[in-house]
């Protein structure tokens, strides 16, 4: 009986570690996407924050991967990117590809 409990705990602990690892990868990837999109658009953290209704400090914390943004914040940001002609393709290995519409590149 102790062996079963120990195994269940080990399995549960392993799943918890995998979930934590996956969430960390997603948080870091989202932070990198935010930095890349801002760079393409030529926006400072403050300018970007004003566009989506956040503070510069919040944008900084998201970009550093310090916080996991709320779902509504993620959706706001993704909506803004789409409106600006920027999208991301998620790759199977956890990475991503930045897709920028040509007219975005021609903006002054």
N, C-alpha and C. Protein backbone atom coordinates (compact mmCIF):
# COMPACT_ATOMS: atom_id res chain seq x y z
N UNK A 1 0.82 -1.19 0.00
CA UNK A 1 0.00 0.00 0.00
C UNK A 1 0.86 1.25 0.00
N UNK A 2 1.93 1.28 0.77
CA UNK A 2 2.82 2.43 0.78
C UNK A 2 3.44 2.66 -0.59
N UNK A 3 3.73 1.57 -1.30
CA UNK A 3 4.32 1.69 -2.62
C UNK A 3 3.36 2.38 -3.58
N UNK A 4 2.09 2.07 -3.52
CA UNK A 4 1.09 2.70 -4.36
C UNK A 4 0.98 4.19 -4.05
N UNK A 5 0.94 4.54 -2.80
CA UNK A 5 0.86 5.95 -2.42
C UNK A 5 2.11 6.68 -2.89
N UNK A 6 3.26 6.07 -2.69
CA UNK A 6 4.52 6.68 -3.14
C UNK A 6 4.52 6.87 -4.65
N UNK A 7 4.05 5.90 -5.39
CA UNK A 7 4.02 5.99 -6.84
C UNK A 7 3.04 7.07 -7.28
N UNK A 8 1.87 7.10 -6.65
CA UNK A 8 0.88 8.12 -7.02
C UNK A 8 1.45 9.51 -6.74
N UNK A 9 2.13 9.66 -5.62
CA UNK A 9 2.71 10.96 -5.29
C UNK A 9 3.79 11.34 -6.31
N UNK A 10 4.61 10.35 -6.68
CA UNK A 10 5.67 10.60 -7.66
C UNK A 10 5.07 10.99 -9.00
N UNK A 11 4.03 10.29 -9.44
CA UNK A 11 3.37 10.61 -10.70
C UNK A 11 2.76 12.00 -10.62
N UNK A 12 2.06 12.29 -9.51
CA UNK A 12 1.44 13.61 -9.34
C UNK A 12 2.50 14.69 -9.34
N UNK A 13 3.61 14.45 -8.66
CA UNK A 13 4.70 15.41 -8.60
C UNK A 13 5.29 15.63 -9.99
N UNK A 14 5.44 14.56 -10.75
CA UNK A 14 5.96 14.65 -12.11
C UNK A 14 5.04 15.46 -13.01
N UNK A 15 3.74 15.24 -12.88
CA UNK A 15 2.77 15.99 -13.69
C UNK A 15 2.79 17.46 -13.32
N UNK A 16 2.92 17.73 -12.03
CA UNK A 16 2.98 19.11 -11.56
C UNK A 16 4.21 19.81 -12.13
N UNK A 17 5.34 19.11 -12.13
CA UNK A 17 6.57 19.68 -12.69
C UNK A 17 6.40 19.96 -14.17
N UNK A 18 5.81 19.01 -14.92
CA UNK A 18 5.60 19.20 -16.36
C UNK A 18 4.68 20.39 -16.62
N UNK A 19 3.63 20.53 -15.83
CA UNK A 19 2.70 21.64 -15.99
C UNK A 19 3.41 22.96 -15.70
N UNK A 20 4.17 23.01 -14.61
CA UNK A 20 4.92 24.22 -14.27
C UNK A 20 5.90 24.58 -15.39
N UNK A 21 6.57 23.58 -15.93
CA UNK A 21 7.53 23.79 -17.01
C UNK A 21 6.83 24.32 -18.26
N UNK A 22 5.71 23.73 -18.61
CA UNK A 22 4.94 24.16 -19.78
C UNK A 22 4.45 25.59 -19.61
N UNK A 23 3.92 25.92 -18.44
CA UNK A 23 3.45 27.29 -18.19
C UNK A 23 4.59 28.29 -18.24
N UNK A 24 5.75 27.90 -17.75
CA UNK A 24 6.91 28.79 -17.81
C UNK A 24 7.31 29.04 -19.26
N UNK A 25 7.34 28.00 -20.08
CA UNK A 25 7.68 28.16 -21.49
C UNK A 25 6.68 29.09 -22.17
N UNK A 26 5.40 28.90 -21.90
CA UNK A 26 4.38 29.76 -22.50
C UNK A 26 4.53 31.20 -22.05
N UNK A 27 4.84 31.43 -20.78
CA UNK A 27 5.01 32.79 -20.26
C UNK A 27 6.21 33.46 -20.91
N UNK A 28 7.32 32.73 -21.02
CA UNK A 28 8.53 33.27 -21.63
C UNK A 28 8.32 33.52 -23.13
N UNK A 29 7.62 32.61 -23.80
CA UNK A 29 7.34 32.79 -25.24
C UNK A 29 6.45 34.01 -25.46
N UNK A 30 5.43 34.20 -24.62
CA UNK A 30 4.56 35.36 -24.77
C UNK A 30 5.35 36.64 -24.54
N UNK A 31 6.25 36.63 -23.57
CA UNK A 31 7.10 37.80 -23.30
C UNK A 31 7.95 38.12 -24.53
N UNK A 32 8.52 37.12 -25.15
CA UNK A 32 9.34 37.33 -26.35
C UNK A 32 8.50 37.84 -27.51
N UNK A 33 7.28 37.32 -27.64
CA UNK A 33 6.38 37.80 -28.69
C UNK A 33 6.07 39.28 -28.50
N UNK A 34 5.81 39.66 -27.26
CA UNK A 34 5.49 41.06 -26.97
C UNK A 34 6.66 41.97 -27.32
N UNK A 35 7.87 41.58 -26.93
CA UNK A 35 9.05 42.39 -27.25
C UNK A 35 9.25 42.49 -28.76
N UNK A 36 9.09 41.36 -29.47
CA UNK A 36 9.29 41.35 -30.92
C UNK A 36 8.25 42.22 -31.64
N UNK A 37 7.00 42.10 -31.24
CA UNK A 37 5.94 42.88 -31.87
C UNK A 37 6.15 44.37 -31.63
N UNK A 38 6.52 44.73 -30.42
CA UNK A 38 6.77 46.14 -30.13
C UNK A 38 7.91 46.67 -30.97
N UNK A 39 8.96 45.86 -31.14
CA UNK A 39 10.11 46.28 -31.94
C UNK A 39 9.70 46.52 -33.40
N UNK A 40 8.93 45.61 -33.96
CA UNK A 40 8.47 45.76 -35.35
C UNK A 40 7.63 47.02 -35.50
N UNK A 41 6.78 47.27 -34.52
CA UNK A 41 5.90 48.44 -34.58
C UNK A 41 6.59 49.74 -34.18
N UNK A 42 7.79 49.63 -33.61
CA UNK A 42 8.53 50.81 -33.20
C UNK A 42 7.90 51.52 -32.02
N UNK A 43 7.30 50.73 -31.12
CA UNK A 43 6.62 51.31 -29.95
C UNK A 43 7.45 51.11 -28.69
N UNK A 44 7.49 52.13 -27.86
CA UNK A 44 8.09 51.98 -26.53
C UNK A 44 7.12 51.19 -25.66
N UNK A 45 7.59 50.76 -24.51
CA UNK A 45 6.69 50.07 -23.58
C UNK A 45 5.54 50.98 -23.20
N UNK A 46 5.83 52.25 -22.98
CA UNK A 46 4.79 53.20 -22.58
C UNK A 46 3.77 53.40 -23.70
N UNK A 47 4.24 53.56 -24.93
CA UNK A 47 3.33 53.74 -26.07
C UNK A 47 2.44 52.51 -26.24
N UNK A 48 3.05 51.33 -26.14
CA UNK A 48 2.27 50.09 -26.27
C UNK A 48 1.25 49.99 -25.15
N UNK A 49 1.68 50.29 -23.93
CA UNK A 49 0.79 50.21 -22.77
C UNK A 49 -0.43 51.11 -22.96
N UNK A 50 -0.21 52.31 -23.46
CA UNK A 50 -1.32 53.23 -23.68
C UNK A 50 -2.30 52.69 -24.72
N UNK A 51 -1.79 52.02 -25.73
CA UNK A 51 -2.64 51.47 -26.79
C UNK A 51 -3.60 50.40 -26.27
N UNK A 52 -3.15 49.64 -25.27
CA UNK A 52 -4.00 48.53 -24.80
C UNK A 52 -4.55 48.73 -23.39
N UNK A 53 -4.26 49.87 -22.80
CA UNK A 53 -4.85 50.17 -21.50
C UNK A 53 -4.12 49.56 -20.31
N UNK A 54 -2.81 49.45 -20.41
CA UNK A 54 -2.00 48.97 -19.29
C UNK A 54 -1.04 50.08 -18.87
N UNK A 55 -0.30 49.81 -17.82
CA UNK A 55 0.77 50.73 -17.43
C UNK A 55 2.07 50.24 -18.06
N UNK A 56 3.02 51.14 -18.16
CA UNK A 56 4.35 50.75 -18.67
C UNK A 56 4.96 49.68 -17.78
N UNK A 57 4.76 49.81 -16.48
CA UNK A 57 5.31 48.84 -15.53
C UNK A 57 4.73 47.44 -15.78
N UNK A 58 3.43 47.37 -16.09
CA UNK A 58 2.80 46.08 -16.39
C UNK A 58 3.40 45.45 -17.63
N UNK A 59 3.59 46.26 -18.66
CA UNK A 59 4.20 45.75 -19.90
C UNK A 59 5.60 45.25 -19.61
N UNK A 60 6.36 46.02 -18.85
CA UNK A 60 7.73 45.61 -18.48
C UNK A 60 7.72 44.26 -17.76
N UNK A 61 6.83 44.11 -16.80
CA UNK A 61 6.77 42.86 -16.02
C UNK A 61 6.37 41.67 -16.89
N UNK A 62 5.46 41.89 -17.85
CA UNK A 62 5.07 40.81 -18.77
C UNK A 62 6.26 40.45 -19.64
N UNK A 63 6.96 41.47 -20.17
CA UNK A 63 8.11 41.22 -21.05
C UNK A 63 9.26 40.54 -20.33
N UNK A 64 9.39 40.74 -19.04
CA UNK A 64 10.44 40.09 -18.27
C UNK A 64 10.04 38.67 -17.85
N UNK A 65 8.79 38.30 -18.09
CA UNK A 65 8.31 36.97 -17.71
C UNK A 65 8.09 36.84 -16.22
N UNK A 66 8.00 37.97 -15.53
CA UNK A 66 7.82 37.97 -14.07
C UNK A 66 6.41 37.59 -13.69
N UNK A 67 5.45 37.98 -14.52
CA UNK A 67 4.04 37.71 -14.23
C UNK A 67 3.40 36.96 -15.39
N UNK A 68 2.37 36.23 -15.06
CA UNK A 68 1.51 35.60 -16.08
C UNK A 68 0.34 36.54 -16.28
N UNK A 69 0.24 37.16 -17.47
CA UNK A 69 -0.88 38.10 -17.67
C UNK A 69 -2.22 37.39 -17.60
N UNK A 70 -3.23 38.14 -17.18
CA UNK A 70 -4.58 37.59 -17.15
C UNK A 70 -5.04 37.31 -18.57
N UNK A 71 -5.98 36.40 -18.69
CA UNK A 71 -6.49 36.01 -20.00
C UNK A 71 -7.02 37.21 -20.77
N UNK A 72 -7.75 38.10 -20.12
CA UNK A 72 -8.30 39.25 -20.84
C UNK A 72 -7.19 40.17 -21.35
N UNK A 73 -6.08 40.24 -20.62
CA UNK A 73 -4.94 41.04 -21.08
C UNK A 73 -4.30 40.39 -22.29
N UNK A 74 -4.13 39.09 -22.25
CA UNK A 74 -3.57 38.36 -23.40
C UNK A 74 -4.45 38.57 -24.62
N UNK A 75 -5.75 38.46 -24.45
CA UNK A 75 -6.67 38.64 -25.58
C UNK A 75 -6.62 40.06 -26.13
N UNK A 76 -6.51 41.06 -25.26
CA UNK A 76 -6.37 42.46 -25.70
C UNK A 76 -5.12 42.64 -26.54
N UNK A 77 -4.02 42.08 -26.05
CA UNK A 77 -2.75 42.19 -26.75
C UNK A 77 -2.82 41.50 -28.11
N UNK A 78 -3.35 40.28 -28.14
CA UNK A 78 -3.46 39.55 -29.40
C UNK A 78 -4.38 40.26 -30.38
N UNK A 79 -5.45 40.86 -29.90
CA UNK A 79 -6.35 41.63 -30.76
C UNK A 79 -5.61 42.83 -31.36
N UNK A 80 -4.84 43.51 -30.53
CA UNK A 80 -4.04 44.65 -30.98
C UNK A 80 -3.07 44.21 -32.07
N UNK A 81 -2.37 43.08 -31.84
CA UNK A 81 -1.44 42.59 -32.86
C UNK A 81 -2.14 42.34 -34.18
N UNK A 82 -3.27 41.65 -34.13
CA UNK A 82 -4.01 41.36 -35.38
C UNK A 82 -4.39 42.65 -36.09
N UNK A 83 -4.87 43.62 -35.33
CA UNK A 83 -5.27 44.91 -35.91
C UNK A 83 -4.08 45.61 -36.55
N UNK A 84 -2.90 45.39 -36.01
CA UNK A 84 -1.68 46.03 -36.52
C UNK A 84 -1.02 45.22 -37.65
N UNK A 85 -1.55 44.04 -37.97
CA UNK A 85 -0.99 43.21 -39.04
C UNK A 85 0.14 42.31 -38.60
N UNK A 86 0.13 41.95 -37.34
CA UNK A 86 1.17 41.06 -36.79
C UNK A 86 0.50 39.82 -36.23
N UNK A 87 1.10 38.68 -36.53
CA UNK A 87 0.60 37.43 -35.95
C UNK A 87 1.80 36.53 -35.66
N UNK A 88 1.52 35.46 -34.96
CA UNK A 88 2.56 34.51 -34.59
C UNK A 88 2.08 33.11 -34.91
N UNK A 89 2.97 32.30 -35.44
CA UNK A 89 2.70 30.89 -35.65
C UNK A 89 3.46 30.13 -34.58
N UNK A 90 2.74 29.36 -33.79
CA UNK A 90 3.38 28.55 -32.75
C UNK A 90 3.98 27.31 -33.39
N UNK A 91 5.21 27.01 -33.05
CA UNK A 91 5.91 25.85 -33.58
C UNK A 91 5.80 24.68 -32.60
N UNK A 92 5.95 23.50 -33.12
CA UNK A 92 5.78 22.30 -32.28
C UNK A 92 6.79 22.21 -31.15
N UNK A 93 7.96 22.79 -31.34
CA UNK A 93 9.00 22.68 -30.31
C UNK A 93 8.86 23.73 -29.21
N UNK A 94 7.77 24.51 -29.23
CA UNK A 94 7.55 25.52 -28.21
C UNK A 94 7.95 26.91 -28.66
N UNK A 95 8.65 27.00 -29.79
CA UNK A 95 9.04 28.30 -30.33
C UNK A 95 7.89 28.92 -31.12
N UNK A 96 8.20 29.99 -31.82
CA UNK A 96 7.18 30.65 -32.63
C UNK A 96 7.83 31.34 -33.81
N UNK A 97 7.00 31.66 -34.78
CA UNK A 97 7.43 32.40 -35.96
C UNK A 97 6.61 33.68 -36.01
N UNK A 98 7.29 34.81 -36.19
CA UNK A 98 6.64 36.11 -36.30
C UNK A 98 6.23 36.33 -37.75
N UNK A 99 4.96 36.71 -37.95
CA UNK A 99 4.44 36.98 -39.30
C UNK A 99 4.01 38.44 -39.32
N UNK A 100 4.61 39.20 -40.25
CA UNK A 100 4.33 40.63 -40.37
C UNK A 100 3.82 40.90 -41.78
N UNK A 101 2.64 41.52 -41.87
CA UNK A 101 2.09 41.88 -43.18
C UNK A 101 2.99 42.95 -43.81
N UNK A 102 3.10 42.90 -45.14
CA UNK A 102 4.03 43.81 -45.83
C UNK A 102 3.72 45.28 -45.60
N UNK A 103 2.44 45.65 -45.49
CA UNK A 103 2.14 47.07 -45.27
C UNK A 103 2.61 47.57 -43.92
N UNK A 104 2.80 46.67 -42.96
CA UNK A 104 3.33 47.06 -41.65
C UNK A 104 4.78 47.53 -41.83
N UNK A 105 5.50 46.87 -42.69
CA UNK A 105 6.89 47.21 -42.92
C UNK A 105 7.06 48.54 -43.65
N UNK A 106 6.03 48.96 -44.36
CA UNK A 106 6.10 50.19 -45.15
C UNK A 106 5.59 51.42 -44.40
N UNK A 107 5.11 51.22 -43.18
CA UNK A 107 4.61 52.35 -42.39
C UNK A 107 5.75 53.27 -42.00
N UNK A 108 5.45 54.55 -41.95
CA UNK A 108 6.45 55.53 -41.52
C UNK A 108 6.36 55.78 -40.05
